[in-house]
Amino acid sequence: MVNSRRLAAVVADALGMPLTSTVQHARNLREAPDHSLIAQGGRGRHVPEMTHDDAAALVCAVLASEAVGASAETVRSLKKLKAQYHGHHSSGRRRRTDFVGIPDFRLDIGRDHDVIGGLAAILRFFSREDAFLEELNHRRSEPYVIRATFEVEYPQHFVSMSVGVPSVASQNWTFGNRAFARTEQIRRCRQDALREIARCLAPS
């Protein structure tokens, strides 16, 4: 079981962020005004287990907040962004018959998802990455790999995320609209960080 403290430690390490500030982000989300933005309650054996949605909220708070105190405000702002789907793309460089038997490449993201739900879907995909690649690489000498990017612009929030297999297929989503502000800053993470976070959530 992964509690919020353990999740904060994994997220901090995966994103290259200070542990102290990441722990504070988690606390801010647990104690957010009106209602908690990640699981809370209980002590000891009764501490709630963190979910993919909890991990996604924490990642978003860490990457998109201008200051540690803005965790809850940041996550609520991101949740309001409208999703835009940019396609499920397959490479045109290969023949159609080359892809017969490719395993289902779904992220289970819908237009009604917010950023938290979208990132949680990517984390769940990485939780089944090994099985996906085992099926995809069946009878192939050179193995395929998964590439992913999660990128956040702030203080005017805009998010883009993509997951794909080079030369095979990819899915791309954006949330919100680019402001092109002079104060724009960008933070991002890639597949290795997302994989590390997803694997810590796997049942022990």
Protein backbone atom coordinates (compact mmCIF):
# COMPACT_ATOMS: atom_id res chain seq x y z
CA MET A 1 0.00 0.00 0.00
CA VAL A 2 1.24 3.50 -0.86
CA ASN A 3 0.29 6.31 1.50
CA SER A 4 0.60 10.01 0.74
CA ARG A 5 4.03 10.32 2.34
CA ARG A 6 5.43 7.46 0.28
CA LEU A 7 3.78 8.78 -2.88
CA ALA A 8 5.27 12.25 -2.24
CA ALA A 9 8.73 10.69 -1.90
CA VAL A 10 8.39 8.80 -5.19
CA VAL A 11 7.00 11.84 -7.04
CA ALA A 12 9.76 14.09 -5.70
CA ASP A 13 12.44 11.63 -6.81
CA ALA A 14 10.83 10.99 -10.21
CA LEU A 15 10.41 14.69 -10.99
CA GLY A 16 13.69 15.83 -9.47
CA MET A 17 11.90 18.10 -6.99
CA PRO A 18 12.67 18.73 -3.29
CA LEU A 19 11.01 16.24 -0.96
CA THR A 20 10.01 18.90 1.57
CA SER A 21 8.03 20.96 -0.94
CA THR A 22 6.45 17.86 -2.51
CA VAL A 23 5.30 16.63 0.91
CA GLN A 24 3.82 20.07 1.55
CA HIS A 25 1.99 19.97 -1.79
CA ALA A 26 0.47 16.63 -0.76
CA ARG A 27 -0.57 18.05 2.59
CA ASN A 28 -2.11 21.10 0.92
CA LEU A 29 -4.18 18.86 -1.35
CA ARG A 30 -5.34 16.69 1.55
CA GLU A 31 -6.33 19.74 3.59
CA ALA A 32 -7.74 21.83 0.74
CA PRO A 33 -10.65 24.12 1.67
CA ASP A 34 -14.16 22.77 0.92
CA HIS A 35 -12.98 19.25 0.16
CA SER A 36 -9.79 17.23 -0.13
CA LEU A 37 -8.16 16.91 -3.56
CA ILE A 38 -6.42 13.64 -2.69
CA ALA A 39 -7.42 10.85 -0.32
CA GLN A 40 -7.28 11.74 3.36
CA GLY A 41 -8.25 10.38 6.76
CA GLY A 42 -7.13 7.60 9.07
CA ARG A 43 -3.90 6.85 10.84
CA GLY A 44 -1.54 3.90 10.95
CA ARG A 45 -3.15 0.88 9.27
CA HIS A 46 -6.17 3.02 8.38
CA VAL A 47 -4.27 5.53 6.23
CA PRO A 48 -5.95 5.53 2.78
CA GLU A 49 -4.13 4.01 -0.17
CA MET A 50 -3.20 6.48 -2.89
CA THR A 51 -4.78 6.05 -6.33
CA HIS A 52 -3.68 7.00 -9.85
CA ASP A 53 -5.91 10.07 -9.59
CA ASP A 54 -4.21 11.09 -6.33
CA ALA A 55 -0.81 10.70 -7.97
CA ALA A 56 -1.94 12.72 -10.98
CA ALA A 57 -3.20 15.54 -8.74
CA LEU A 58 0.09 15.64 -6.86
CA VAL A 59 2.17 15.67 -10.06
CA CYS A 60 0.06 18.54 -11.38
CA ALA A 61 0.42 20.50 -8.16
CA VAL A 62 4.19 20.06 -8.16
CA LEU A 63 4.70 20.94 -11.84
CA ALA A 64 2.12 23.69 -12.32
CA SER A 65 2.24 25.66 -9.05
CA GLU A 66 4.13 28.93 -8.92
CA ALA A 67 4.46 28.54 -5.15
CA VAL A 68 3.99 25.68 -2.69
CA GLY A 69 1.03 27.44 -1.12
CA ALA A 70 -0.86 27.40 -4.43
CA SER A 71 -1.30 23.61 -4.65
CA ALA A 72 -5.09 23.45 -4.27
CA GLU A 73 -5.72 26.54 -6.39
CA THR A 74 -3.51 25.11 -9.13
CA VAL A 75 -5.24 21.72 -9.25
CA ARG A 76 -8.68 23.32 -9.29
CA SER A 77 -7.58 25.61 -12.13
CA LEU A 78 -6.27 22.67 -14.16
CA LYS A 79 -9.48 20.70 -13.64
CA LYS A 80 -11.42 23.49 -15.38
CA LEU A 81 -9.43 23.26 -18.63
CA LYS A 82 -11.29 21.88 -21.64
CA ALA A 83 -9.86 18.75 -23.24
CA GLN A 84 -8.99 18.66 -26.93
CA TYR A 85 -8.15 15.40 -28.67
CA HIS A 86 -5.50 15.58 -31.38
CA GLY A 87 -5.78 12.12 -32.75
CA HIS A 88 -4.67 8.55 -32.63
CA HIS A 89 -1.90 8.58 -35.19
CA SER A 90 -0.38 5.59 -36.94
CA SER A 91 2.82 5.79 -38.92
CA GLY A 92 2.38 6.00 -42.67
CA ARG A 93 5.84 4.59 -43.26
CA ARG A 94 4.74 1.02 -42.70
CA ARG A 95 2.33 -1.16 -44.60
CA ARG A 96 -1.06 -1.76 -43.07
CA THR A 97 -0.33 -5.48 -42.81
CA ASP A 98 2.71 -4.75 -40.61
CA PHE A 99 0.34 -3.88 -37.76
CA VAL A 100 -1.88 -6.94 -37.82
CA GLY A 101 -2.18 -8.23 -34.28
CA ILE A 102 -1.06 -5.03 -32.54
CA PRO A 103 -2.47 -4.96 -28.99
CA ASP A 104 -5.15 -2.43 -28.14
CA PHE A 105 -3.54 0.98 -27.62
CA ARG A 106 -6.13 2.75 -25.49
CA LEU A 107 -5.69 5.39 -22.81
CA ASP A 108 -9.38 5.52 -21.89
CA ILE A 109 -9.34 9.32 -21.99
CA GLY A 110 -12.55 11.04 -23.07
CA ARG A 111 -13.41 14.61 -23.96
CA ASP A 112 -15.18 14.88 -20.62
CA HIS A 113 -11.94 14.11 -18.73
CA ASP A 114 -10.03 16.86 -17.00
CA VAL A 115 -6.24 17.05 -16.72
CA ILE A 116 -6.19 14.93 -13.56
CA GLY A 117 -8.25 12.20 -15.18
CA GLY A 118 -6.12 12.32 -18.32
CA LEU A 119 -2.83 12.00 -16.47
CA ALA A 120 -4.29 9.26 -14.27
CA ALA A 121 -5.18 7.34 -17.44
CA ILE A 122 -1.58 7.60 -18.64
CA LEU A 123 -0.32 6.33 -15.28
CA ARG A 124 -2.72 3.39 -15.50
CA PHE A 125 -1.38 2.67 -19.01
CA PHE A 126 2.16 2.50 -17.59
CA SER A 127 0.88 0.11 -14.95
CA ARG A 128 0.12 -2.36 -17.78
CA GLU A 129 3.10 -1.35 -19.93
CA ASP A 130 4.97 -4.65 -19.53
CA ALA A 131 2.02 -6.73 -20.71
CA PHE A 132 1.39 -4.33 -23.61
CA LEU A 133 5.01 -4.44 -24.79
CA GLU A 134 5.24 -8.19 -24.37
CA GLU A 135 2.32 -8.61 -26.74
CA LEU A 136 3.55 -5.91 -29.13
CA ASN A 137 7.12 -7.26 -29.27
CA HIS A 138 6.02 -10.83 -29.89
CA ARG A 139 8.16 -12.29 -32.70
CA ARG A 140 10.12 -9.05 -33.12
CA SER A 141 13.92 -8.98 -32.77
CA GLU A 142 14.21 -5.25 -31.99
CA PRO A 143 11.80 -4.30 -29.19
CA TYR A 144 9.46 -1.34 -29.27
CA VAL A 145 9.48 1.24 -26.48
CA ILE A 146 6.90 3.63 -25.03
CA ARG A 147 7.50 7.39 -25.25
CA ALA A 148 5.46 9.88 -23.25
CA THR A 149 5.50 13.57 -22.39
CA PHE A 150 3.41 15.52 -19.88
CA GLU A 151 3.96 19.27 -20.15
CA VAL A 152 2.45 22.12 -18.15
CA GLU A 153 2.60 25.85 -18.87
CA TYR A 154 2.02 28.29 -16.03
CA PRO A 155 0.97 30.74 -14.56
CA GLN A 156 -1.63 30.78 -17.38
CA HIS A 157 -2.39 27.08 -17.40
CA PHE A 158 -2.14 24.97 -20.52
CA VAL A 159 -1.36 21.24 -20.60
CA SER A 160 -0.28 18.86 -23.33
CA MET A 161 0.21 15.13 -23.01
CA SER A 162 1.18 12.43 -25.46
CA VAL A 163 1.89 8.73 -25.33
CA GLY A 164 3.06 6.58 -28.18
CA VAL A 165 5.19 3.87 -29.69
CA PRO A 166 7.60 5.36 -32.26
CA SER A 167 6.78 4.32 -35.83
CA VAL A 168 3.57 2.65 -34.67
CA ALA A 169 0.98 4.90 -33.03
CA SER A 170 0.46 7.77 -30.59
CA GLN A 171 -2.28 9.66 -28.80
CA ASN A 172 -2.08 13.39 -28.14
CA TRP A 173 -4.24 15.62 -25.93
CA THR A 174 -4.20 19.25 -24.88
CA PHE A 175 -6.16 20.98 -22.13
CA GLY A 176 -6.97 24.68 -22.33
CA ASN A 177 -5.55 27.26 -24.74
CA ARG A 178 -2.05 28.68 -24.96
CA ALA A 179 -1.88 32.24 -23.69
CA PHE A 180 1.60 33.00 -25.11
CA ALA A 181 2.15 35.27 -22.11
CA ARG A 182 5.48 36.97 -21.52
CA THR A 183 5.56 35.37 -18.07
CA GLU A 184 5.06 31.86 -19.46
CA GLN A 185 7.05 29.06 -17.84
CA ILE A 186 7.06 25.37 -18.69
CA ARG A 187 7.69 22.21 -16.70
CA ARG A 188 7.53 18.71 -18.10
CA CYS A 189 8.19 15.09 -17.32
CA ARG A 190 8.67 12.10 -19.59
CA GLN A 191 8.10 8.37 -19.65
CA ASP A 192 10.75 7.41 -17.08
CA ALA A 193 9.23 9.63 -14.40
CA LEU A 194 5.67 8.56 -15.22
CA ARG A 195 6.72 4.90 -15.21
CA GLU A 196 8.37 5.26 -11.80
CA ILE A 197 5.27 6.87 -10.31
CA ALA A 198 2.93 4.31 -11.88
CA ARG A 199 4.95 1.37 -10.61
CA CYS A 200 4.87 2.60 -7.02
CA LEU A 201 1.06 2.36 -7.20
CA ALA A 202 1.06 -1.27 -8.33
CA PRO A 203 -0.42 -3.75 -5.83
CA SER A 204 2.31 -5.30 -3.68
